[in-house]
Amino acid sequence: MRIEMTCPTCGSHEISKNGTTRRGKQNYKCRDCNRQFVEDPQWKPKDKNTQALVNLLLLEKIPLAGIARATGVSDSWLQDYVNACYEAVPKTAEVVPKVKSKLKGV
């Protein structure tokens, strides 16, 4: 059975049905690259505009709950995004030890 779809990875039209997902959606499999996918995924990546808005709101020191409400993203996505942003920040602090000397007048 041929389905007129294209693979999101390689663009091939060699697609076959491959069961259903846990949520009951039809699962497909590309015969060329073996990628599994659904036609209309429930979870989609956030667009660049939403990420840019979140970045601006983070700089304003607005609480995460307020940012999630204002942008319409979930709390868990926002927390994961913030954690990934902070992990990407280079840690370049240099600590210079003090010179040890004896106390005077004792």
PDB file of N, CA and C in Angstrom:
ATOM      1  N   MET A   1       0.840  -1.169   0.000  1.00  0.00           N
ATOM      2  CA  MET A   1       0.000   0.000   0.000  1.00  0.00           C
ATOM      3  C   MET A   1       0.892   1.242   0.000  1.00  0.00           C
ATOM      4  N   ARG A   2       0.694   2.116  -0.958  1.00  0.00           N
ATOM      5  CA  ARG A   2       1.481   3.342  -1.060  1.00  0.00           C
ATOM      6  C   ARG A   2       0.706   4.499  -0.472  1.00  0.00           C
ATOM      7  N   ILE A   3       1.355   5.237   0.354  1.00  0.00           N
ATOM      8  CA  ILE A   3       0.760   6.405   0.979  1.00  0.00           C
ATOM      9  C   ILE A   3       1.495   7.620   0.433  1.00  0.00           C
ATOM     10  N   GLU A   4       0.760   8.623  -0.006  1.00  0.00           N
ATOM     11  CA  GLU A   4       1.383   9.812  -0.579  1.00  0.00           C
ATOM     12  C   GLU A   4       1.849  10.742   0.524  1.00  0.00           C
ATOM     13  N   MET A   5       2.941  10.376   1.142  1.00  0.00           N
ATOM     14  CA  MET A   5       3.572  11.185   2.182  1.00  0.00           C
ATOM     15  C   MET A   5       5.053  11.249   1.854  1.00  0.00           C
ATOM     16  N   THR A   6       5.730  12.157   2.518  1.00  0.00           N
ATOM     17  CA  THR A   6       7.179  12.216   2.375  1.00  0.00           C
ATOM     18  C   THR A   6       7.804  12.063   3.751  1.00  0.00           C
ATOM     19  N   CYS A   7       8.938  11.439   3.777  1.00  0.00           N
ATOM     20  CA  CYS A   7       9.670  11.248   5.028  1.00  0.00           C
ATOM     21  C   CYS A   7      10.234  12.597   5.475  1.00  0.00           C
ATOM     22  N   PRO A   8      10.076  12.973   6.757  1.00  0.00           N
ATOM     23  CA  PRO A   8      10.617  14.252   7.210  1.00  0.00           C
ATOM     24  C   PRO A   8      12.141  14.309   7.202  1.00  0.00           C
ATOM     25  N   THR A   9      12.805  13.147   7.196  1.00  0.00           N
ATOM     26  CA  THR A   9      14.267  13.134   7.231  1.00  0.00           C
ATOM     27  C   THR A   9      14.874  13.131   5.830  1.00  0.00           C
ATOM     28  N   CYS A  10      14.468  12.159   5.008  1.00  0.00           N
ATOM     29  CA  CYS A  10      15.129  12.006   3.706  1.00  0.00           C
ATOM     30  C   CYS A  10      14.262  12.454   2.533  1.00  0.00           C
ATOM     31  N   GLY A  11      12.965  12.712   2.736  1.00  0.00           N
ATOM     32  CA  GLY A  11      12.103  13.168   1.657  1.00  0.00           C
ATOM     33  C   GLY A  11      11.608  12.068   0.739  1.00  0.00           C
ATOM     34  N   SER A  12      11.840  10.834   1.112  1.00  0.00           N
ATOM     35  CA  SER A  12      11.424   9.698   0.287  1.00  0.00           C
ATOM     36  C   SER A  12       9.909   9.521   0.337  1.00  0.00           C
ATOM     37  N   HIS A  13       9.365   8.925  -0.739  1.00  0.00           N
ATOM     38  CA  HIS A  13       7.940   8.617  -0.794  1.00  0.00           C
ATOM     39  C   HIS A  13       7.675   7.140  -0.501  1.00  0.00           C
ATOM     40  N   GLU A  14       8.711   6.390  -0.175  1.00  0.00           N
ATOM     41  CA  GLU A  14       8.572   4.964   0.141  1.00  0.00           C
ATOM     42  C   GLU A  14       8.191   4.826   1.611  1.00  0.00           C
ATOM     43  N   ILE A  15       6.910   4.992   1.905  1.00  0.00           N
ATOM     44  CA  ILE A  15       6.405   5.005   3.272  1.00  0.00           C
ATOM     45  C   ILE A  15       5.444   3.838   3.453  1.00  0.00           C
ATOM     46  N   SER A  16       5.529   3.186   4.613  1.00  0.00           N
ATOM     47  CA  SER A  16       4.574   2.119   4.930  1.00  0.00           C
ATOM     48  C   SER A  16       4.010   2.357   6.327  1.00  0.00           C
ATOM     49  N   LYS A  17       2.806   1.830   6.554  1.00  0.00           N
ATOM     50  CA  LYS A  17       2.207   1.938   7.875  1.00  0.00           C
ATOM     51  C   LYS A  17       2.980   1.054   8.841  1.00  0.00           C
ATOM     52  N   ASN A  18       3.062   1.502  10.100  1.00  0.00           N
ATOM     53  CA  ASN A  18       3.858   0.763  11.077  1.00  0.00           C
ATOM     54  C   ASN A  18       3.175   0.774  12.438  1.00  0.00           C
ATOM     55  N   GLY A  19       1.929   0.328  12.493  1.00  0.00           N
ATOM     56  CA  GLY A  19       1.218   0.239  13.755  1.00  0.00           C
ATOM     57  C   GLY A  19       0.709   1.589  14.211  1.00  0.00           C
ATOM     58  N   THR A  20       0.424   1.679  15.507  1.00  0.00           N
ATOM     59  CA  THR A  20      -0.073   2.929  16.081  1.00  0.00           C
ATOM     60  C   THR A  20       0.788   3.307  17.280  1.00  0.00           C
ATOM     61  N   THR A  21       0.708   4.584  17.638  1.00  0.00           N
ATOM     62  CA  THR A  21       1.441   5.059  18.803  1.00  0.00           C
ATOM     63  C   THR A  21       0.634   4.764  20.061  1.00  0.00           C
ATOM     64  N   ARG A  22       1.203   5.105  21.217  1.00  0.00           N
ATOM     65  CA  ARG A  22       0.483   4.908  22.480  1.00  0.00           C
ATOM     66  C   ARG A  22      -0.769   5.753  22.549  1.00  0.00           C
ATOM     67  N   ARG A  23      -0.776   6.853  21.841  1.00  0.00           N
ATOM     68  CA  ARG A  23      -1.914   7.761  21.868  1.00  0.00           C
ATOM     69  C   ARG A  23      -2.934   7.455  20.780  1.00  0.00           C
ATOM     70  N   GLY A  24      -2.709   6.383  20.010  1.00  0.00           N
ATOM     71  CA  GLY A  24      -3.678   5.941  19.020  1.00  0.00           C
ATOM     72  C   GLY A  24      -3.492   6.521  17.633  1.00  0.00           C
ATOM     73  N   LYS A  25      -2.436   7.267  17.386  1.00  0.00           N
ATOM     74  CA  LYS A  25      -2.205   7.826  16.058  1.00  0.00           C
ATOM     75  C   LYS A  25      -1.496   6.808  15.177  1.00  0.00           C
ATOM     76  N   GLN A  26      -1.746   6.902  13.870  1.00  0.00           N
ATOM     77  CA  GLN A  26      -1.111   6.001  12.916  1.00  0.00           C
ATOM     78  C   GLN A  26       0.380   6.306  12.841  1.00  0.00           C
ATOM     79  N   ASN A  27       1.197   5.269  12.965  1.00  0.00           N
ATOM     80  CA  ASN A  27       2.642   5.395  12.891  1.00  0.00           C
ATOM     81  C   ASN A  27       3.092   4.953  11.507  1.00  0.00           C
ATOM     82  N   TYR A  28       4.060   5.655  10.916  1.00  0.00           N
ATOM     83  CA  TYR A  28       4.575   5.332   9.593  1.00  0.00           C
ATOM     84  C   TYR A  28       6.071   5.077   9.685  1.00  0.00           C
ATOM     85  N   LYS A  29       6.588   4.357   8.685  1.00  0.00           N
ATOM     86  CA  LYS A  29       8.017   4.061   8.658  1.00  0.00           C
ATOM     87  C   LYS A  29       8.531   4.260   7.237  1.00  0.00           C
ATOM     88  N   CYS A  30       9.645   4.962   7.125  1.00  0.00           N
ATOM     89  CA  CYS A  30      10.279   5.171   5.828  1.00  0.00           C
ATOM     90  C   CYS A  30      11.065   3.919   5.469  1.00  0.00           C
ATOM     91  N   ARG A  31      10.885   3.438   4.255  1.00  0.00           N
ATOM     92  CA  ARG A  31      11.603   2.225   3.834  1.00  0.00           C
ATOM     93  C   ARG A  31      13.052   2.510   3.464  1.00  0.00           C
ATOM     94  N   ASP A  32      13.372   3.761   3.186  1.00  0.00           N
ATOM     95  CA  ASP A  32      14.743   4.100   2.792  1.00  0.00           C
ATOM     96  C   ASP A  32      15.649   4.362   3.992  1.00  0.00           C
ATOM     97  N   CYS A  33      15.197   5.192   4.950  1.00  0.00           N
ATOM     98  CA  CYS A  33      16.063   5.542   6.088  1.00  0.00           C
ATOM     99  C   CYS A  33      15.599   4.915   7.400  1.00  0.00           C
ATOM    100  N   ASN A  34      14.499   4.165   7.387  1.00  0.00           N
ATOM    101  CA  ASN A  34      13.951   3.459   8.559  1.00  0.00           C
ATOM    102  C   ASN A  34      13.489   4.391   9.680  1.00  0.00           C
ATOM    103  N   ARG A  35      13.213   5.647   9.378  1.00  0.00           N
ATOM    104  CA  ARG A  35      12.718   6.561  10.405  1.00  0.00           C
ATOM    105  C   ARG A  35      11.240   6.329  10.624  1.00  0.00           C
ATOM    106  N   GLN A  36      10.830   6.333  11.900  1.00  0.00           N
ATOM    107  CA  GLN A  36       9.417   6.211  12.246  1.00  0.00           C
ATOM    108  C   GLN A  36       8.877   7.606  12.567  1.00  0.00           C
ATOM    109  N   PHE A  37       7.651   7.880  12.140  1.00  0.00           N
ATOM    110  CA  PHE A  37       7.055   9.181  12.388  1.00  0.00           C
ATOM    111  C   PHE A  37       5.543   9.085  12.281  1.00  0.00           C
ATOM    112  N   VAL A  38       4.860  10.107  12.789  1.00  0.00           N
ATOM    113  CA  VAL A  38       3.407  10.225  12.630  1.00  0.00           C
ATOM    114  C   VAL A  38       3.138  11.402  11.701  1.00  0.00           C
ATOM    115  N   GLU A  39       1.977  11.395  11.066  1.00  0.00           N
ATOM    116  CA  GLU A  39       1.670  12.413  10.068  1.00  0.00           C
ATOM    117  C   GLU A  39       1.509  13.798  10.691  1.00  0.00           C
ATOM    118  N   ASP A  40       0.764  13.887  11.768  1.00  0.00           N
ATOM    119  CA  ASP A  40       0.536  15.166  12.431  1.00  0.00           C
ATOM    120  C   ASP A  40       0.927  15.001  13.898  1.00  0.00           C
ATOM    121  N   PRO A  41       2.200  15.233  14.253  1.00  0.00           N
ATOM    122  CA  PRO A  41       2.642  14.964  15.625  1.00  0.00           C
ATOM    123  C   PRO A  41       1.965  15.865  16.642  1.00  0.00           C
ATOM    124  N   GLN A  42       1.710  15.297  17.817  1.00  0.00           N
ATOM    125  CA  GLN A  42       1.084  16.053  18.893  1.00  0.00           C
ATOM    126  C   GLN A  42       2.074  17.034  19.511  1.00  0.00           C
ATOM    127  N   TRP A  43       3.322  16.611  19.651  1.00  0.00           N
ATOM    128  CA  TRP A  43       4.356  17.459  20.255  1.00  0.00           C
ATOM    129  C   TRP A  43       5.230  18.013  19.150  1.00  0.00           C
ATOM    130  N   LYS A  44       5.245  19.326  19.018  1.00  0.00           N
ATOM    131  CA  LYS A  44       6.045  19.968  17.987  1.00  0.00           C
ATOM    132  C   LYS A  44       7.083  20.858  18.662  1.00  0.00           C
ATOM    133  N   PRO A  45       8.250  21.040  18.033  1.00  0.00           N
ATOM    134  CA  PRO A  45       9.245  21.933  18.634  1.00  0.00           C
ATOM    135  C   PRO A  45       8.745  23.376  18.651  1.00  0.00           C
ATOM    136  N   LYS A  46       9.182  24.126  19.627  1.00  0.00           N
ATOM    137  CA  LYS A  46       8.781  25.529  19.744  1.00  0.00           C
ATOM    138  C   LYS A  46       9.474  26.335  18.642  1.00  0.00           C
ATOM    139  N   ASP A  47       8.752  27.289  18.080  1.00  0.00           N
ATOM    140  CA  ASP A  47       9.332  28.086  17.008  1.00  0.00           C
ATOM    141  C   ASP A  47      10.344  29.091  17.575  1.00  0.00           C
ATOM    142  N   LYS A  48      11.123  29.669  16.674  1.00  0.00           N
ATOM    143  CA  LYS A  48      12.206  30.577  17.075  1.00  0.00           C
ATOM    144  C   LYS A  48      11.662  31.840  17.741  1.00  0.00           C
ATOM    145  N   ASN A  49      10.480  32.295  17.327  1.00  0.00           N
ATOM    146  CA  ASN A  49       9.910  33.512  17.935  1.00  0.00           C
ATOM    147  C   ASN A  49       9.570  33.280  19.403  1.00  0.00           C
ATOM    148  N   THR A  50       9.017  32.097  19.709  1.00  0.00           N
ATOM    149  CA  THR A  50       8.689  31.791  21.100  1.00  0.00           C
ATOM    150  C   THR A  50       9.957  31.695  21.939  1.00  0.00           C
ATOM    151  N   GLN A  51      10.991  31.061  21.405  1.00  0.00           N
ATOM    152  CA  GLN A  51      12.241  30.946  22.141  1.00  0.00           C
ATOM    153  C   GLN A  51      12.882  32.314  22.353  1.00  0.00           C
ATOM    154  N   ALA A  52      12.791  33.197  21.357  1.00  0.00           N
ATOM    155  CA  ALA A  52      13.347  34.545  21.502  1.00  0.00           C
ATOM    156  C   ALA A  52      12.590  35.327  22.572  1.00  0.00           C
ATOM    157  N   LEU A  53      11.261  35.180  22.599  1.00  0.00           N
ATOM    158  CA  LEU A  53      10.463  35.857  23.624  1.00  0.00           C
ATOM    159  C   LEU A  53      10.797  35.331  25.017  1.00  0.00           C
ATOM    160  N   VAL A  54      10.970  34.020  25.137  1.00  0.00           N
ATOM    161  CA  VAL A  54      11.339  33.427  26.423  1.00  0.00           C
ATOM    162  C   VAL A  54      12.699  33.959  26.869  1.00  0.00           C
ATOM    163  N   ASN A  55      13.637  34.067  25.939  1.00  0.00           N
ATOM    164  CA  ASN A  55      14.964  34.600  26.284  1.00  0.00           C
ATOM    165  C   ASN A  55      14.872  36.036  26.796  1.00  0.00           C
ATOM    166  N   LEU A  56      14.049  36.855  26.148  1.00  0.00           N
ATOM    167  CA  LEU A  56      13.891  38.242  26.599  1.00  0.00           C
ATOM    168  C   LEU A  56      13.250  38.302  27.979  1.00  0.00           C
ATOM    169  N   LEU A  57      12.248  37.474  28.209  1.00  0.00           N
ATOM    170  CA  LEU A  57      11.576  37.487  29.505  1.00  0.00           C
ATOM    171  C   LEU A  57      12.483  36.958  30.612  1.00  0.00           C
ATOM    172  N   LEU A  58      13.360  36.010  30.285  1.00  0.00           N
ATOM    173  CA  LEU A  58      14.318  35.519  31.281  1.00  0.00           C
ATOM    174  C   LEU A  58      15.284  36.625  31.689  1.00  0.00           C
ATOM    175  N   LEU A  59      15.668  37.474  30.743  1.00  0.00           N
ATOM    176  CA  LEU A  59      16.572  38.578  31.067  1.00  0.00           C
ATOM    177  C   LEU A  59      15.903  39.610  31.958  1.00  0.00           C
ATOM    178  N   GLU A  60      14.585  39.698  31.915  1.00  0.00           N
ATOM    179  CA  GLU A  60      13.848  40.648  32.756  1.00  0.00           C
ATOM    180  C   GLU A  60      13.601  40.111  34.158  1.00  0.00           C
ATOM    181  N   LYS A  61      14.064  38.915  34.447  1.00  0.00           N
ATOM    182  CA  LYS A  61      13.940  38.285  35.760  1.00  0.00           C
ATOM    183  C   LYS A  61      12.488  38.088  36.182  1.00  0.00           C
ATOM    184  N   ILE A  62      11.648  37.738  35.214  1.00  0.00           N
ATOM    185  CA  ILE A  62      10.254  37.419  35.496  1.00  0.00           C
ATOM    186  C   ILE A  62      10.212  35.969  35.974  1.00  0.00           C
ATOM    187  N   PRO A  63       9.381  35.630  36.957  1.00  0.00           N
ATOM    188  CA  PRO A  63       9.306  34.242  37.429  1.00  0.00           C
ATOM    189  C   PRO A  63       8.925  33.279  36.301  1.00  0.00           C
ATOM    190  N   LEU A  64       9.406  32.048  36.415  1.00  0.00           N
ATOM    191  CA  LEU A  64       9.156  31.057  35.373  1.00  0.00           C
ATOM    192  C   LEU A  64       7.670  30.798  35.177  1.00  0.00           C
ATOM    193  N   ALA A  65       6.888  30.801  36.249  1.00  0.00           N
ATOM    194  CA  ALA A  65       5.445  30.579  36.112  1.00  0.00           C
ATOM    195  C   ALA A  65       4.806  31.687  35.283  1.00  0.00           C
ATOM    196  N   GLY A  66       5.249  32.919  35.455  1.00  0.00           N
ATOM    197  CA  GLY A  66       4.727  34.034  34.671  1.00  0.00           C
ATOM    198  C   GLY A  66       5.120  33.936  33.209  1.00  0.00           C
ATOM    199  N   ILE A  67       6.354  33.513  32.949  1.00  0.00           N
ATOM    200  CA  ILE A  67       6.812  33.342  31.564  1.00  0.00           C
ATOM    201  C   ILE A  67       6.002  32.246  30.892  1.00  0.00           C
ATOM    202  N   ALA A  68       5.751  31.147  31.598  1.00  0.00           N
ATOM    203  CA  ALA A  68       4.983  30.039  31.024  1.00  0.00           C
ATOM    204  C   ALA A  68       3.561  30.488  30.688  1.00  0.00           C
ATOM    205  N   ARG A  69       2.949  31.272  31.563  1.00  0.00           N
ATOM    206  CA  ARG A  69       1.592  31.766  31.293  1.00  0.00           C
ATOM    207  C   ARG A  69       1.583  32.724  30.112  1.00  0.00           C
ATOM    208  N   ALA A  70       2.549  33.635  30.053  1.00  0.00           N
ATOM    209  CA  ALA A  70       2.565  34.668  29.017  1.00  0.00           C
ATOM    210  C   ALA A  70       2.857  34.100  27.630  1.00  0.00           C
ATOM    211  N   THR A  71       3.695  33.074  27.560  1.00  0.00           N
ATOM    212  CA  THR A  71       4.086  32.540  26.260  1.00  0.00           C
ATOM    213  C   THR A  71       3.287  31.314  25.847  1.00  0.00           C
ATOM    214  N   GLY A  72       2.582  30.688  26.790  1.00  0.00           N
ATOM    215  CA  GLY A  72       1.780  29.516  26.453  1.00  0.00           C
ATOM    216  C   GLY A  72       2.572  28.224  26.380  1.00  0.00           C
ATOM    217  N   VAL A  73       3.752  28.186  26.984  1.00  0.00           N
ATOM    218  CA  VAL A  73       4.539  26.955  27.012  1.00  0.00           C
ATOM    219  C   VAL A  73       4.304  26.252  28.342  1.00  0.00           C
ATOM    220  N   SER A  74       4.623  24.978  28.391  1.00  0.00           N
ATOM    221  CA  SER A  74       4.422  24.229  29.625  1.00  0.00           C
ATOM    222  C   SER A  74       5.550  24.526  30.613  1.00  0.00           C
ATOM    223  N   ASP A  75       5.255  24.314  31.890  1.00  0.00           N
ATOM    224  CA  ASP A  75       6.257  24.545  32.936  1.00  0.00           C
ATOM    225  C   ASP A  75       7.457  23.630  32.763  1.00  0.00           C
ATOM    226  N   SER A  76       7.196  22.364  32.425  1.00  0.00           N
ATOM    227  CA  SER A  76       8.303  21.408  32.296  1.00  0.00           C
ATOM    228  C   SER A  76       9.185  21.744  31.095  1.00  0.00           C
ATOM    229  N   TRP A  77       8.573  22.190  29.961  1.00  0.00           N
ATOM    230  CA  TRP A  77       9.393  22.580  28.814  1.00  0.00           C
ATOM    231  C   TRP A  77      10.264  23.769  29.169  1.00  0.00           C
ATOM    232  N   LEU A  78       9.667  24.740  29.854  1.00  0.00           N
ATOM    233  CA  LEU A  78      10.405  25.946  30.208  1.00  0.00           C
ATOM    234  C   LEU A  78      11.561  25.631  31.152  1.00  0.00           C
ATOM    235  N   GLN A  79      11.340  24.766  32.132  1.00  0.00           N
ATOM    236  CA  GLN A  79      12.407  24.404  33.059  1.00  0.00           C
ATOM    237  C   GLN A  79      13.532  23.674  32.336  1.00  0.00           C
ATOM    238  N   ASP A  80      13.182  22.753  31.429  1.00  0.00           N
ATOM    239  CA  ASP A  80      14.208  22.056  30.654  1.00  0.00           C
ATOM    240  C   ASP A  80      14.981  23.024  29.758  1.00  0.00           C
ATOM    241  N   TYR A  81      14.278  23.997  29.175  1.00  0.00           N
ATOM    242  CA  TYR A  81      14.923  24.983  28.309  1.00  0.00           C
ATOM    243  C   TYR A  81      15.897  25.850  29.107  1.00  0.00           C
ATOM    244  N   VAL A  82      15.465  26.295  30.280  1.00  0.00           N
ATOM    245  CA  VAL A  82      16.329  27.122  31.127  1.00  0.00           C
ATOM    246  C   VAL A  82      17.554  26.325  31.575  1.00  0.00           C
ATOM    247  N   ASN A  83      17.357  25.068  31.963  1.00  0.00           N
ATOM    248  CA  ASN A  83      18.486  24.238  32.378  1.00  0.00           C
ATOM    249  C   ASN A  83      19.479  24.053  31.242  1.00  0.00           C
ATOM    250  N   ALA A  84      18.980  23.854  30.022  1.00  0.00           N
ATOM    251  CA  ALA A  84      19.870  23.688  28.869  1.00  0.00           C
ATOM    252  C   ALA A  84      20.620  24.988  28.575  1.00  0.00           C
ATOM    253  N   CYS A  85      19.944  26.123  28.734  1.00  0.00           N
ATOM    254  CA  CYS A  85      20.608  27.418  28.507  1.00  0.00           C
ATOM    255  C   CYS A  85      21.730  27.645  29.512  1.00  0.00           C
ATOM    256  N   TYR A  86      21.467  27.339  30.769  1.00  0.00           N
ATOM    257  CA  TYR A  86      22.486  27.541  31.798  1.00  0.00           C
ATOM    258  C   TYR A  86      23.641  26.552  31.669  1.00  0.00           C
ATOM    259  N   GLU A  87      23.373  25.359  31.175  1.00  0.00           N
ATOM    260  CA  GLU A  87      24.459  24.399  30.955  1.00  0.00           C
ATOM    261  C   GLU A  87      25.377  24.865  29.832  1.00  0.00           C
ATOM    262  N   ALA A  88      24.824  25.613  28.863  1.00  0.00           N
ATOM    263  CA  ALA A  88      25.614  26.064  27.722  1.00  0.00           C
ATOM    264  C   ALA A  88      26.506  27.257  28.060  1.00  0.00           C
ATOM    265  N   VAL A  89      26.272  27.900  29.199  1.00  0.00           N
ATOM    266  CA  VAL A  89      27.086  29.053  29.587  1.00  0.00           C
ATOM    267  C   VAL A  89      28.465  28.559  30.020  1.00  0.00           C
ATOM    268  N   PRO A  90      29.531  29.094  29.425  1.00  0.00           N
ATOM    269  CA  PRO A  90      30.872  28.644  29.825  1.00  0.00           C
ATOM    270  C   PRO A  90      31.199  29.104  31.244  1.00  0.00           C
ATOM    271  N   LYS A  91      31.823  28.230  31.963  1.00  0.00           N
ATOM    272  CA  LYS A  91      32.209  28.527  33.339  1.00  0.00           C
ATOM    273  C   LYS A  91      33.693  28.867  33.335  1.00  0.00           C
ATOM    274  N   THR A  92      33.993  30.182  33.349  1.00  0.00           N
ATOM    275  CA  THR A  92      35.375  30.625  33.190  1.00  0.00           C
ATOM    276  C   THR A  92      35.868  31.441  34.374  1.00  0.00           C
ATOM    277  N   ALA A  93      35.354  31.175  35.537  1.00  0.00           N
ATOM    278  CA  ALA A  93      35.803  31.920  36.712  1.00  0.00           C
ATOM    279  C   ALA A  93      37.173  31.407  37.142  1.00  0.00           C
ATOM    280  N   GLU A  94      38.086  32.345  37.379  1.00  0.00           N
ATOM    281  CA  GLU A  94      39.413  31.980  37.856  1.00  0.00           C
ATOM    282  C   GLU A  94      39.538  32.395  39.312  1.00  0.00           C
ATOM    283  N   VAL A  95      40.012  31.508  40.126  1.00  0.00           N
ATOM    284  CA  VAL A  95      40.192  31.793  41.542  1.00  0.00           C
ATOM    285  C   VAL A  95      41.688  31.928  41.805  1.00  0.00           C
ATOM    286  N   VAL A  96      42.068  33.072  42.337  1.00  0.00           N
ATOM    287  CA  VAL A  96      43.469  33.320  42.650  1.00  0.00           C
ATOM    288  C   VAL A  96      43.625  33.146  44.156  1.00  0.00           C
ATOM    289  N   PRO A  97      44.447  32.215  44.593  1.00  0.00           N
ATOM    290  CA  PRO A  97      44.595  32.009  46.031  1.00  0.00           C
ATOM    291  C   PRO A  97      45.346  33.171  46.672  1.00  0.00           C
ATOM    292  N   LYS A  98      44.990  33.452  47.919  1.00  0.00           N
ATOM    293  CA  LYS A  98      45.660  34.511  48.677  1.00  0.00           C
ATOM    294  C   LYS A  98      47.046  34.033  49.106  1.00  0.00           C
ATOM    295  N   VAL A  99      47.922  35.005  49.235  1.00  0.00           N
ATOM    296  CA  VAL A  99      49.264  34.686  49.716  1.00  0.00           C
ATOM    297  C   VAL A  99      49.174  34.518  51.230  1.00  0.00           C
ATOM    298  N   LYS A 100      49.662  33.393  51.709  1.00  0.00           N
ATOM    299  CA  LYS A 100      49.613  33.135  53.146  1.00  0.00           C
ATOM    300  C   LYS A 100      50.810  33.789  53.827  1.00  0.00           C
ATOM    301  N   SER A 101      50.532  34.510  54.894  1.00  0.00           N
ATOM    302  CA  SER A 101      51.624  35.128  55.657  1.00  0.00           C
ATOM    303  C   SER A 101      51.295  35.008  57.145  1.00  0.00           C
ATOM    304  N   LYS A 102      52.313  35.184  57.941  1.00  0.00           N
ATOM    305  CA  LYS A 102      52.112  35.096  59.378  1.00  0.00           C
ATOM    306  C   LYS A 102      51.464  36.367  59.896  1.00  0.00           C
ATOM    307  N   LEU A 103      50.690  36.215  60.955  1.00  0.00           N
ATOM    308  CA  LEU A 103      50.055  37.377  61.572  1.00  0.00           C
ATOM    309  C   LEU A 103      51.114  38.197  62.304  1.00  0.00           C
ATOM    310  N   LYS A 104      51.006  39.512  62.178  1.00  0.00           N
ATOM    311  CA  LYS A 104      51.963  40.390  62.845  1.00  0.00           C
ATOM    312  C   LYS A 104      51.410  40.794  64.207  1.00  0.00           C
ATOM    313  N   GLY A 105      52.265  40.955  65.171  1.00  0.00           N
ATOM    314  CA  GLY A 105      51.890  41.425  66.494  1.00  0.00           C
ATOM    315  C   GLY A 105      51.376  40.328  67.410  1.00  0.00           C
ATOM    316  N   VAL A 106      51.466  39.112  67.037  1.00  0.00           N
ATOM    317  CA  VAL A 106      50.989  38.062  67.923  1.00  0.00           C
ATOM    318  C   VAL A 106      52.159  37.380  68.575  1.00  0.00           C
TER     319      VAL A 106
END
